Amino acid sequence: MSTPIPNDKMSALADLIARDRKIEAIKLYRELTGLGLKEAKDQVEALESSLRAKAPARFGPVPKRGGCLGGAAILCLCAVFVICWIARK
């Protein structure tokens, strides 16, 4: 860390991380420290790990990803079958 972060800003970072707003946390960390993107990302992820270890109740369950993409793929596949079926007539 190149620049010490004030307590109020550290609280804002912790809040962003707890609300799963990691990109905003990385941007804020970069503004506060002047670090590059990779370094700031690594620091925010390290901070997230320590916060999760200290206060796991503050974090909700890890959200499941997917679902919508699978549904969209099935919808597109059905549309292709319908188009091919119509084109054969």
N, C-alpha and C. Protein backbone atom coordinates (compact mmCIF):
# COMPACT_ATOMS: atom_id res chain seq x y z
N MET A 1 0.85 -1.16 0.00
CA MET A 1 0.00 0.00 0.00
C MET A 1 0.90 1.23 0.00
N SER A 2 0.70 2.13 -0.94
CA SER A 2 1.58 3.29 -1.03
C SER A 2 1.10 4.46 -0.17
N THR A 3 -0.18 4.63 0.00
CA THR A 3 -0.72 5.74 0.78
C THR A 3 -1.65 5.18 1.86
N PRO A 4 -1.50 5.63 3.11
CA PRO A 4 -2.44 5.16 4.14
C PRO A 4 -3.86 5.63 3.82
N ILE A 5 -4.82 4.77 4.09
CA ILE A 5 -6.22 5.08 3.79
C ILE A 5 -6.90 5.50 5.09
N PRO A 6 -7.58 6.67 5.09
CA PRO A 6 -8.29 7.12 6.30
C PRO A 6 -9.39 6.12 6.68
N ASN A 7 -9.72 6.10 7.97
CA ASN A 7 -10.72 5.15 8.47
C ASN A 7 -12.08 5.28 7.80
N ASP A 8 -12.52 6.51 7.52
CA ASP A 8 -13.83 6.66 6.88
C ASP A 8 -13.83 6.09 5.47
N LYS A 9 -12.72 6.25 4.76
CA LYS A 9 -12.62 5.69 3.41
C LYS A 9 -12.50 4.17 3.46
N MET A 10 -11.81 3.66 4.48
CA MET A 10 -11.69 2.21 4.63
C MET A 10 -13.06 1.60 4.93
N SER A 11 -13.88 2.32 5.70
CA SER A 11 -15.25 1.85 5.96
C SER A 11 -16.07 1.83 4.67
N ALA A 12 -15.88 2.85 3.84
CA ALA A 12 -16.59 2.90 2.55
C ALA A 12 -16.15 1.73 1.66
N LEU A 13 -14.86 1.43 1.66
CA LEU A 13 -14.36 0.29 0.89
C LEU A 13 -14.97 -1.01 1.40
N ALA A 14 -14.96 -1.19 2.71
CA ALA A 14 -15.51 -2.42 3.29
C ALA A 14 -16.99 -2.55 2.96
N ASP A 15 -17.71 -1.44 2.97
CA ASP A 15 -19.14 -1.46 2.65
C ASP A 15 -19.36 -1.86 1.18
N LEU A 16 -18.56 -1.31 0.28
CA LEU A 16 -18.69 -1.67 -1.13
C LEU A 16 -18.40 -3.16 -1.34
N ILE A 17 -17.38 -3.65 -0.67
CA ILE A 17 -17.02 -5.06 -0.81
C ILE A 17 -18.13 -5.94 -0.25
N ALA A 18 -18.67 -5.58 0.89
CA ALA A 18 -19.74 -6.38 1.50
C ALA A 18 -21.00 -6.39 0.65
N ARG A 19 -21.23 -5.32 -0.11
CA ARG A 19 -22.42 -5.25 -0.98
C ARG A 19 -22.14 -5.82 -2.36
N ASP A 20 -20.99 -6.52 -2.50
CA ASP A 20 -20.61 -7.17 -3.77
C ASP A 20 -20.46 -6.17 -4.91
N ARG A 21 -19.87 -5.01 -4.59
CA ARG A 21 -19.63 -3.96 -5.57
C ARG A 21 -18.12 -3.79 -5.70
N LYS A 22 -17.46 -4.90 -6.11
CA LYS A 22 -16.01 -4.95 -6.11
C LYS A 22 -15.39 -3.99 -7.12
N ILE A 23 -16.01 -3.80 -8.26
CA ILE A 23 -15.44 -2.88 -9.26
C ILE A 23 -15.39 -1.46 -8.71
N GLU A 24 -16.46 -1.04 -8.05
CA GLU A 24 -16.47 0.29 -7.44
C GLU A 24 -15.42 0.39 -6.34
N ALA A 25 -15.25 -0.70 -5.59
CA ALA A 25 -14.24 -0.72 -4.53
C ALA A 25 -12.84 -0.58 -5.12
N ILE A 26 -12.60 -1.26 -6.22
CA ILE A 26 -11.29 -1.17 -6.88
C ILE A 26 -11.05 0.26 -7.38
N LYS A 27 -12.06 0.86 -7.98
CA LYS A 27 -11.92 2.25 -8.45
C LYS A 27 -11.60 3.19 -7.29
N LEU A 28 -12.32 3.03 -6.19
CA LEU A 28 -12.08 3.88 -5.03
C LEU A 28 -10.68 3.64 -4.48
N TYR A 29 -10.27 2.40 -4.39
CA TYR A 29 -8.94 2.07 -3.88
C TYR A 29 -7.87 2.71 -4.75
N ARG A 30 -8.05 2.66 -6.07
CA ARG A 30 -7.09 3.29 -6.98
C ARG A 30 -7.02 4.79 -6.76
N GLU A 31 -8.18 5.42 -6.57
CA GLU A 31 -8.21 6.88 -6.33
C GLU A 31 -7.48 7.23 -5.03
N LEU A 32 -7.68 6.40 -4.02
CA LEU A 32 -7.10 6.69 -2.71
C LEU A 32 -5.60 6.44 -2.64
N THR A 33 -5.13 5.43 -3.37
CA THR A 33 -3.73 5.02 -3.24
C THR A 33 -2.86 5.37 -4.43
N GLY A 34 -3.46 5.56 -5.60
CA GLY A 34 -2.68 5.81 -6.80
C GLY A 34 -2.09 4.55 -7.40
N LEU A 35 -2.51 3.39 -6.93
CA LEU A 35 -2.00 2.13 -7.47
C LEU A 35 -2.61 1.84 -8.84
N GLY A 36 -1.97 0.94 -9.57
CA GLY A 36 -2.49 0.49 -10.85
C GLY A 36 -3.65 -0.46 -10.66
N LEU A 37 -4.27 -0.81 -11.78
CA LEU A 37 -5.47 -1.66 -11.74
C LEU A 37 -5.18 -3.02 -11.11
N LYS A 38 -4.15 -3.71 -11.56
CA LYS A 38 -3.83 -5.05 -11.05
C LYS A 38 -3.53 -5.01 -9.56
N GLU A 39 -2.72 -4.05 -9.15
CA GLU A 39 -2.34 -3.96 -7.74
C GLU A 39 -3.56 -3.64 -6.87
N ALA A 40 -4.40 -2.72 -7.34
CA ALA A 40 -5.60 -2.36 -6.59
C ALA A 40 -6.55 -3.54 -6.49
N LYS A 41 -6.71 -4.28 -7.58
CA LYS A 41 -7.58 -5.46 -7.58
C LYS A 41 -7.07 -6.49 -6.58
N ASP A 42 -5.77 -6.73 -6.59
CA ASP A 42 -5.18 -7.69 -5.66
C ASP A 42 -5.39 -7.25 -4.21
N GLN A 43 -5.23 -5.97 -3.94
CA GLN A 43 -5.40 -5.46 -2.59
C GLN A 43 -6.85 -5.54 -2.13
N VAL A 44 -7.78 -5.22 -3.03
CA VAL A 44 -9.21 -5.29 -2.68
C VAL A 44 -9.61 -6.74 -2.43
N GLU A 45 -9.09 -7.67 -3.22
CA GLU A 45 -9.42 -9.07 -3.01
C GLU A 45 -8.83 -9.58 -1.69
N ALA A 46 -7.63 -9.11 -1.34
CA ALA A 46 -7.04 -9.48 -0.05
C ALA A 46 -7.87 -8.90 1.09
N LEU A 47 -8.32 -7.66 0.93
CA LEU A 47 -9.17 -7.03 1.93
C LEU A 47 -10.48 -7.79 2.07
N GLU A 48 -11.05 -8.21 0.95
CA GLU A 48 -12.29 -8.99 0.99
C GLU A 48 -12.09 -10.29 1.76
N SER A 49 -10.98 -10.98 1.51
CA SER A 49 -10.71 -12.23 2.22
C SER A 49 -10.61 -12.01 3.72
N SER A 50 -9.90 -10.95 4.12
CA SER A 50 -9.76 -10.71 5.56
C SER A 50 -11.09 -10.28 6.18
N LEU A 51 -11.88 -9.50 5.45
CA LEU A 51 -13.19 -9.09 5.97
C LEU A 51 -14.12 -10.29 6.11
N ARG A 52 -14.09 -11.19 5.14
CA ARG A 52 -14.93 -12.39 5.21
C ARG A 52 -14.52 -13.27 6.39
N ALA A 53 -13.22 -13.32 6.68
CA ALA A 53 -12.75 -14.13 7.81
C ALA A 53 -13.15 -13.49 9.14
N LYS A 54 -13.09 -12.16 9.21
CA LYS A 54 -13.40 -11.47 10.47
C LYS A 54 -14.89 -11.36 10.73
N ALA A 55 -15.69 -11.11 9.68
CA ALA A 55 -17.13 -10.89 9.86
C ALA A 55 -17.92 -11.58 8.75
N PRO A 56 -18.00 -12.91 8.78
CA PRO A 56 -18.69 -13.61 7.70
C PRO A 56 -20.19 -13.29 7.63
N ALA A 57 -20.79 -12.91 8.75
CA ALA A 57 -22.22 -12.61 8.75
C ALA A 57 -22.54 -11.36 7.94
N ARG A 58 -21.55 -10.50 7.75
CA ARG A 58 -21.77 -9.27 7.00
C ARG A 58 -21.97 -9.55 5.51
N PHE A 59 -21.49 -10.69 5.07
CA PHE A 59 -21.58 -11.07 3.67
C PHE A 59 -22.70 -12.07 3.48
N GLY A 60 -23.46 -11.88 2.43
CA GLY A 60 -24.51 -12.84 2.11
C GLY A 60 -23.90 -14.04 1.43
N PRO A 61 -24.71 -15.02 1.10
CA PRO A 61 -24.19 -16.17 0.37
C PRO A 61 -23.70 -15.74 -1.00
N VAL A 62 -22.75 -16.48 -1.52
CA VAL A 62 -22.22 -16.17 -2.85
C VAL A 62 -23.34 -16.41 -3.85
N PRO A 63 -23.67 -15.38 -4.66
CA PRO A 63 -24.78 -15.54 -5.58
C PRO A 63 -24.47 -16.55 -6.67
N LYS A 64 -25.50 -17.31 -7.03
CA LYS A 64 -25.35 -18.26 -8.13
C LYS A 64 -25.35 -17.48 -9.43
N ARG A 65 -24.49 -17.87 -10.31
CA ARG A 65 -24.43 -17.23 -11.62
C ARG A 65 -25.11 -18.15 -12.62
N GLY A 66 -25.59 -17.57 -13.69
CA GLY A 66 -26.22 -18.39 -14.71
C GLY A 66 -27.73 -18.34 -14.61
N GLY A 67 -28.35 -19.29 -15.23
CA GLY A 67 -29.81 -19.33 -15.21
C GLY A 67 -30.38 -18.59 -16.40
N CYS A 68 -30.16 -17.31 -16.46
CA CYS A 68 -30.68 -16.51 -17.57
C CYS A 68 -30.00 -16.89 -18.88
N LEU A 69 -28.70 -17.13 -18.81
CA LEU A 69 -27.96 -17.49 -20.02
C LEU A 69 -28.45 -18.83 -20.55
N GLY A 70 -28.69 -19.78 -19.66
CA GLY A 70 -29.20 -21.08 -20.08
C GLY A 70 -30.58 -20.97 -20.71
N GLY A 71 -31.43 -20.15 -20.11
CA GLY A 71 -32.76 -19.94 -20.67
C GLY A 71 -32.71 -19.27 -22.03
N ALA A 72 -31.82 -18.31 -22.19
CA ALA A 72 -31.67 -17.63 -23.48
C ALA A 72 -31.16 -18.59 -24.54
N ALA A 73 -30.24 -19.48 -24.16
CA ALA A 73 -29.71 -20.45 -25.11
C ALA A 73 -30.80 -21.41 -25.57
N ILE A 74 -31.63 -21.85 -24.64
CA ILE A 74 -32.73 -22.76 -25.01
C ILE A 74 -33.72 -22.05 -25.92
N LEU A 75 -34.03 -20.80 -25.61
CA LEU A 75 -34.96 -20.02 -26.44
C LEU A 75 -34.40 -19.86 -27.86
N CYS A 76 -33.12 -19.55 -27.98
CA CYS A 76 -32.50 -19.40 -29.31
C CYS A 76 -32.51 -20.72 -30.07
N LEU A 77 -32.23 -21.81 -29.37
CA LEU A 77 -32.24 -23.13 -30.01
C LEU A 77 -33.63 -23.47 -30.52
N CYS A 78 -34.65 -23.17 -29.73
CA CYS A 78 -36.04 -23.41 -30.18
C CYS A 78 -36.37 -22.57 -31.40
N ALA A 79 -35.92 -21.32 -31.40
CA ALA A 79 -36.18 -20.44 -32.55
C ALA A 79 -35.51 -20.98 -33.80
N VAL A 80 -34.30 -21.50 -33.69
CA VAL A 80 -33.61 -22.08 -34.85
C VAL A 80 -34.37 -23.28 -35.37
N PHE A 81 -34.85 -24.15 -34.48
CA PHE A 81 -35.62 -25.31 -34.92
C PHE A 81 -36.90 -24.90 -35.63
N VAL A 82 -37.59 -23.90 -35.10
CA VAL A 82 -38.83 -23.42 -35.74
C VAL A 82 -38.52 -22.85 -37.12
N ILE A 83 -37.49 -22.06 -37.24
CA ILE A 83 -37.11 -21.46 -38.53
C ILE A 83 -36.76 -22.55 -39.54
N CYS A 84 -35.98 -23.54 -39.10
CA CYS A 84 -35.61 -24.65 -39.99
C CYS A 84 -36.85 -25.45 -40.40
N TRP A 85 -37.78 -25.66 -39.47
CA TRP A 85 -38.99 -26.42 -39.76
C TRP A 85 -39.85 -25.66 -40.77
N ILE A 86 -39.96 -24.34 -40.62
CA ILE A 86 -40.75 -23.53 -41.56
C ILE A 86 -40.07 -23.51 -42.94
N ALA A 87 -38.76 -23.42 -42.94
CA ALA A 87 -38.02 -23.36 -44.22
C ALA A 87 -38.13 -24.65 -45.01
N ARG A 88 -38.35 -25.79 -44.35
CA ARG A 88 -38.46 -27.07 -45.05
C ARG A 88 -39.78 -27.21 -45.81
N LYS A 89 -40.79 -26.44 -45.43
CA LYS A 89 -42.11 -26.56 -46.07
C LYS A 89 -42.16 -25.89 -47.40
